Amino acid sequence: MKNASTTATRPAPSALARGFSLLELTLVLVILGVLMAVAAYNVLGQGEKAKATATRATLATIKNAIAQYHLEQSAYPPDLQTLVTAKILEAGKLSDGWKRPLVYDPAGPSPEQPFILFSRGPDGQSPSADDISAFEAVISSQGN
């Protein structure tokens, strides 16, 4: 026999089985998607900024190595590989943040810029607005 007092205090089975509606689940999924898109955009943007910063540092290092070579040899190296051969630089230091070779020409356009040294930047094309020059690297990194 069932006790009348225990059956009256239990809630109905339909009240226990209540879940989320399809509209609520869809709304949660949309919110999560928007948050993930914002996070991905911020992470990817920082990756490009880090590559540009690494390229500026590489250009400054190579520029100093070229100056050292010029002091020792009284001439600019004919190519960047000469700096590796002369044991001034390591072999892995001759590419930019996008793993592309740097552009170097020992014949510079002016006495203030006695050689040409730059990266083609994120787009890999030259000349373009995103090129990073060794002679602008210090100014650009201080401006950011």
C-alpha atoms as a PDB file:
ATOM      1  CA  MET A   1       0.000   0.000   0.000  1.00  0.00           C
ATOM      2  CA  LYS A   2       1.137   3.439  -0.801  1.00  0.00           C
ATOM      3  CA  ASN A   3       1.257   6.183   1.729  1.00  0.00           C
ATOM      4  CA  ALA A   4      -0.842   9.151   0.624  1.00  0.00           C
ATOM      5  CA  SER A   5       1.489  11.678   2.226  1.00  0.00           C
ATOM      6  CA  THR A   6       4.591  10.597   0.192  1.00  0.00           C
ATOM      7  CA  THR A   7       2.878  10.713  -3.193  1.00  0.00           C
ATOM      8  CA  ALA A   8       1.554  14.205  -2.608  1.00  0.00           C
ATOM      9  CA  THR A   9       5.024  15.703  -1.939  1.00  0.00           C
ATOM     10  CA  ARG A  10       6.735  14.317  -5.052  1.00  0.00           C
ATOM     11  CA  PRO A  11       6.752  16.602  -8.090  1.00  0.00           C
ATOM     12  CA  ALA A  12       5.273  15.350 -11.310  1.00  0.00           C
ATOM     13  CA  PRO A  13       7.712  13.485 -13.635  1.00  0.00           C
ATOM     14  CA  SER A  14       7.392  16.155 -16.371  1.00  0.00           C
ATOM     15  CA  ALA A  15       8.755  18.855 -14.019  1.00  0.00           C
ATOM     16  CA  LEU A  16      11.902  16.772 -13.320  1.00  0.00           C
ATOM     17  CA  ALA A  17      12.642  16.168 -17.013  1.00  0.00           C
ATOM     18  CA  ARG A  18      12.690  19.814 -18.029  1.00  0.00           C
ATOM     19  CA  GLY A  19      15.707  20.625 -20.300  1.00  0.00           C
ATOM     20  CA  PHE A  20      16.895  23.406 -22.566  1.00  0.00           C
ATOM     21  CA  SER A  21      14.833  24.423 -25.538  1.00  0.00           C
ATOM     22  CA  LEU A  22      16.272  24.385 -29.053  1.00  0.00           C
ATOM     23  CA  LEU A  23      16.240  28.193 -29.054  1.00  0.00           C
ATOM     24  CA  GLU A  24      18.316  28.368 -25.855  1.00  0.00           C
ATOM     25  CA  LEU A  25      20.872  25.869 -27.170  1.00  0.00           C
ATOM     26  CA  THR A  26      21.142  27.738 -30.479  1.00  0.00           C
ATOM     27  CA  LEU A  27      21.679  31.026 -28.662  1.00  0.00           C
ATOM     28  CA  VAL A  28      24.472  29.540 -26.530  1.00  0.00           C
ATOM     29  CA  LEU A  29      26.171  28.086 -29.627  1.00  0.00           C
ATOM     30  CA  VAL A  30      25.991  31.453 -31.434  1.00  0.00           C
ATOM     31  CA  ILE A  31      27.511  33.255 -28.447  1.00  0.00           C
ATOM     32  CA  LEU A  32      30.322  30.680 -28.209  1.00  0.00           C
ATOM     33  CA  GLY A  33      30.982  31.013 -31.956  1.00  0.00           C
ATOM     34  CA  VAL A  34      31.264  34.797 -31.733  1.00  0.00           C
ATOM     35  CA  LEU A  35      33.632  34.563 -28.755  1.00  0.00           C
ATOM     36  CA  MET A  36      35.814  32.019 -30.572  1.00  0.00           C
ATOM     37  CA  ALA A  37      35.941  34.216 -33.685  1.00  0.00           C
ATOM     38  CA  VAL A  38      37.033  37.248 -31.649  1.00  0.00           C
ATOM     39  CA  ALA A  39      39.703  35.216 -29.852  1.00  0.00           C
ATOM     40  CA  ALA A  40      41.020  33.735 -33.124  1.00  0.00           C
ATOM     41  CA  TYR A  41      41.197  37.177 -34.729  1.00  0.00           C
ATOM     42  CA  ASN A  42      43.216  38.543 -31.800  1.00  0.00           C
ATOM     43  CA  VAL A  43      45.595  35.583 -31.733  1.00  0.00           C
ATOM     44  CA  LEU A  44      46.241  35.690 -35.492  1.00  0.00           C
ATOM     45  CA  GLY A  45      46.862  39.439 -35.393  1.00  0.00           C
ATOM     46  CA  GLN A  46      49.483  39.006 -32.692  1.00  0.00           C
ATOM     47  CA  GLY A  47      51.229  36.336 -34.753  1.00  0.00           C
ATOM     48  CA  GLU A  48      51.805  38.738 -37.642  1.00  0.00           C
ATOM     49  CA  LYS A  49      52.968  41.446 -35.260  1.00  0.00           C
ATOM     50  CA  ALA A  50      55.439  39.017 -33.682  1.00  0.00           C
ATOM     51  CA  LYS A  51      56.810  38.047 -37.107  1.00  0.00           C
ATOM     52  CA  ALA A  52      57.328  41.719 -37.989  1.00  0.00           C
ATOM     53  CA  THR A  53      59.096  42.334 -34.664  1.00  0.00           C
ATOM     54  CA  ALA A  54      61.325  39.287 -35.194  1.00  0.00           C
ATOM     55  CA  THR A  55      62.141  40.519 -38.701  1.00  0.00           C
ATOM     56  CA  ARG A  56      63.153  43.944 -37.355  1.00  0.00           C
ATOM     57  CA  ALA A  57      65.434  42.281 -34.819  1.00  0.00           C
ATOM     58  CA  THR A  58      66.969  40.062 -37.512  1.00  0.00           C
ATOM     59  CA  LEU A  59      67.575  43.057 -39.771  1.00  0.00           C
ATOM     60  CA  ALA A  60      69.275  44.940 -36.923  1.00  0.00           C
ATOM     61  CA  THR A  61      71.511  41.923 -36.209  1.00  0.00           C
ATOM     62  CA  ILE A  62      72.501  41.546 -39.856  1.00  0.00           C
ATOM     63  CA  LYS A  63      73.058  45.280 -40.219  1.00  0.00           C
ATOM     64  CA  ASN A  64      75.503  45.132 -37.286  1.00  0.00           C
ATOM     65  CA  ALA A  65      77.210  42.074 -38.790  1.00  0.00           C
ATOM     66  CA  ILE A  66      77.629  43.933 -42.102  1.00  0.00           C
ATOM     67  CA  ALA A  67      79.155  46.881 -40.235  1.00  0.00           C
ATOM     68  CA  GLN A  68      81.559  44.513 -38.447  1.00  0.00           C
ATOM     69  CA  TYR A  69      82.538  42.897 -41.763  1.00  0.00           C
ATOM     70  CA  HIS A  70      83.095  46.369 -43.258  1.00  0.00           C
ATOM     71  CA  LEU A  71      85.397  47.314 -40.380  1.00  0.00           C
ATOM     72  CA  GLU A  72      87.446  44.141 -40.810  1.00  0.00           C
ATOM     73  CA  GLN A  73      87.560  44.014 -44.623  1.00  0.00           C
ATOM     74  CA  SER A  74      87.108  47.687 -45.629  1.00  0.00           C
ATOM     75  CA  ALA A  75      84.363  46.588 -48.003  1.00  0.00           C
ATOM     76  CA  TYR A  76      80.767  45.420 -47.762  1.00  0.00           C
ATOM     77  CA  PRO A  77      80.159  41.686 -48.238  1.00  0.00           C
ATOM     78  CA  PRO A  78      79.079  40.696 -51.760  1.00  0.00           C
ATOM     79  CA  ASP A  79      76.192  38.650 -50.311  1.00  0.00           C
ATOM     80  CA  LEU A  80      74.793  37.681 -46.910  1.00  0.00           C
ATOM     81  CA  GLN A  81      76.195  34.158 -47.135  1.00  0.00           C
ATOM     82  CA  THR A  82      79.670  35.733 -46.854  1.00  0.00           C
ATOM     83  CA  LEU A  83      78.784  36.722 -43.273  1.00  0.00           C
ATOM     84  CA  VAL A  84      78.169  33.047 -42.484  1.00  0.00           C
ATOM     85  CA  THR A  85      81.404  31.998 -44.181  1.00  0.00           C
ATOM     86  CA  ALA A  86      83.314  34.650 -42.198  1.00  0.00           C
ATOM     87  CA  LYS A  87      81.690  33.236 -39.014  1.00  0.00           C
ATOM     88  CA  ILE A  88      80.090  36.557 -38.132  1.00  0.00           C
ATOM     89  CA  LEU A  89      76.534  35.152 -38.388  1.00  0.00           C
ATOM     90  CA  GLU A  90      74.902  31.759 -38.026  1.00  0.00           C
ATOM     91  CA  ALA A  91      73.338  30.218 -41.135  1.00  0.00           C
ATOM     92  CA  GLY A  92      69.771  30.329 -39.791  1.00  0.00           C
ATOM     93  CA  LYS A  93      69.812  34.106 -39.319  1.00  0.00           C
ATOM     94  CA  LEU A  94      69.407  35.040 -43.001  1.00  0.00           C
ATOM     95  CA  SER A  95      65.619  34.881 -43.321  1.00  0.00           C
ATOM     96  CA  ASP A  96      62.742  37.039 -42.123  1.00  0.00           C
ATOM     97  CA  GLY A  97      59.863  36.126 -39.810  1.00  0.00           C
ATOM     98  CA  TRP A  98      57.974  34.554 -42.721  1.00  0.00           C
ATOM     99  CA  LYS A  99      60.949  32.230 -43.474  1.00  0.00           C
ATOM    100  CA  ARG A 100      61.778  34.047 -46.739  1.00  0.00           C
ATOM    101  CA  PRO A 101      65.257  35.250 -47.695  1.00  0.00           C
ATOM    102  CA  LEU A 102      66.141  38.876 -47.034  1.00  0.00           C
ATOM    103  CA  VAL A 103      67.014  41.243 -49.876  1.00  0.00           C
ATOM    104  CA  TYR A 104      70.589  42.542 -49.807  1.00  0.00           C
ATOM    105  CA  ASP A 105      72.592  44.666 -52.243  1.00  0.00           C
ATOM    106  CA  PRO A 106      76.052  45.995 -51.297  1.00  0.00           C
ATOM    107  CA  ALA A 107      75.582  49.030 -53.565  1.00  0.00           C
ATOM    108  CA  GLY A 108      73.498  51.427 -51.511  1.00  0.00           C
ATOM    109  CA  PRO A 109      71.640  54.458 -52.821  1.00  0.00           C
ATOM    110  CA  SER A 110      73.377  57.036 -50.592  1.00  0.00           C
ATOM    111  CA  PRO A 111      76.162  57.546 -48.035  1.00  0.00           C
ATOM    112  CA  GLU A 112      73.535  57.452 -45.269  1.00  0.00           C
ATOM    113  CA  GLN A 113      72.400  54.062 -46.596  1.00  0.00           C
ATOM    114  CA  PRO A 114      75.596  52.419 -47.906  1.00  0.00           C
ATOM    115  CA  PHE A 115      73.830  49.100 -48.669  1.00  0.00           C
ATOM    116  CA  ILE A 116      70.297  47.826 -49.206  1.00  0.00           C
ATOM    117  CA  LEU A 117      68.880  45.367 -46.685  1.00  0.00           C
ATOM    118  CA  PHE A 118      65.163  44.685 -46.268  1.00  0.00           C
ATOM    119  CA  SER A 119      62.408  42.105 -45.946  1.00  0.00           C
ATOM    120  CA  ARG A 120      59.558  41.896 -48.430  1.00  0.00           C
ATOM    121  CA  GLY A 121      57.143  41.795 -45.480  1.00  0.00           C
ATOM    122  CA  PRO A 122      53.996  39.717 -45.026  1.00  0.00           C
ATOM    123  CA  ASP A 123      52.894  39.814 -48.665  1.00  0.00           C
ATOM    124  CA  GLY A 124      56.279  38.706 -50.046  1.00  0.00           C
ATOM    125  CA  GLN A 125      56.112  41.330 -52.810  1.00  0.00           C
ATOM    126  CA  SER A 126      58.533  44.164 -53.429  1.00  0.00           C
ATOM    127  CA  PRO A 127      58.246  47.059 -53.560  1.00  0.00           C
ATOM    128  CA  SER A 128      55.151  47.354 -51.378  1.00  0.00           C
ATOM    129  CA  ALA A 129      54.006  49.327 -48.349  1.00  0.00           C
ATOM    130  CA  ASP A 130      54.666  46.462 -45.929  1.00  0.00           C
ATOM    131  CA  ASP A 131      58.392  46.084 -46.742  1.00  0.00           C
ATOM    132  CA  ILE A 132      60.605  46.324 -43.655  1.00  0.00           C
ATOM    133  CA  SER A 133      63.950  48.076 -44.166  1.00  0.00           C
ATOM    134  CA  ALA A 134      66.987  47.666 -41.925  1.00  0.00           C
ATOM    135  CA  PHE A 135      67.392  51.435 -41.938  1.00  0.00           C
ATOM    136  CA  GLU A 136      63.816  52.013 -40.806  1.00  0.00           C
ATOM    137  CA  ALA A 137      63.704  49.153 -38.277  1.00  0.00           C
ATOM    138  CA  VAL A 138      64.818  51.248 -35.299  1.00  0.00           C
ATOM    139  CA  ILE A 139      62.398  54.067 -36.090  1.00  0.00           C
ATOM    140  CA  SER A 140      59.468  51.680 -36.704  1.00  0.00           C
ATOM    141  CA  SER A 141      59.992  49.635 -33.557  1.00  0.00           C
ATOM    142  CA  GLN A 142      60.225  52.749 -31.379  1.00  0.00           C
ATOM    143  CA  GLY A 143      57.073  54.179 -32.926  1.00  0.00           C
ATOM    144  CA  ASN A 144      54.955  51.117 -31.993  1.00  0.00           C
END
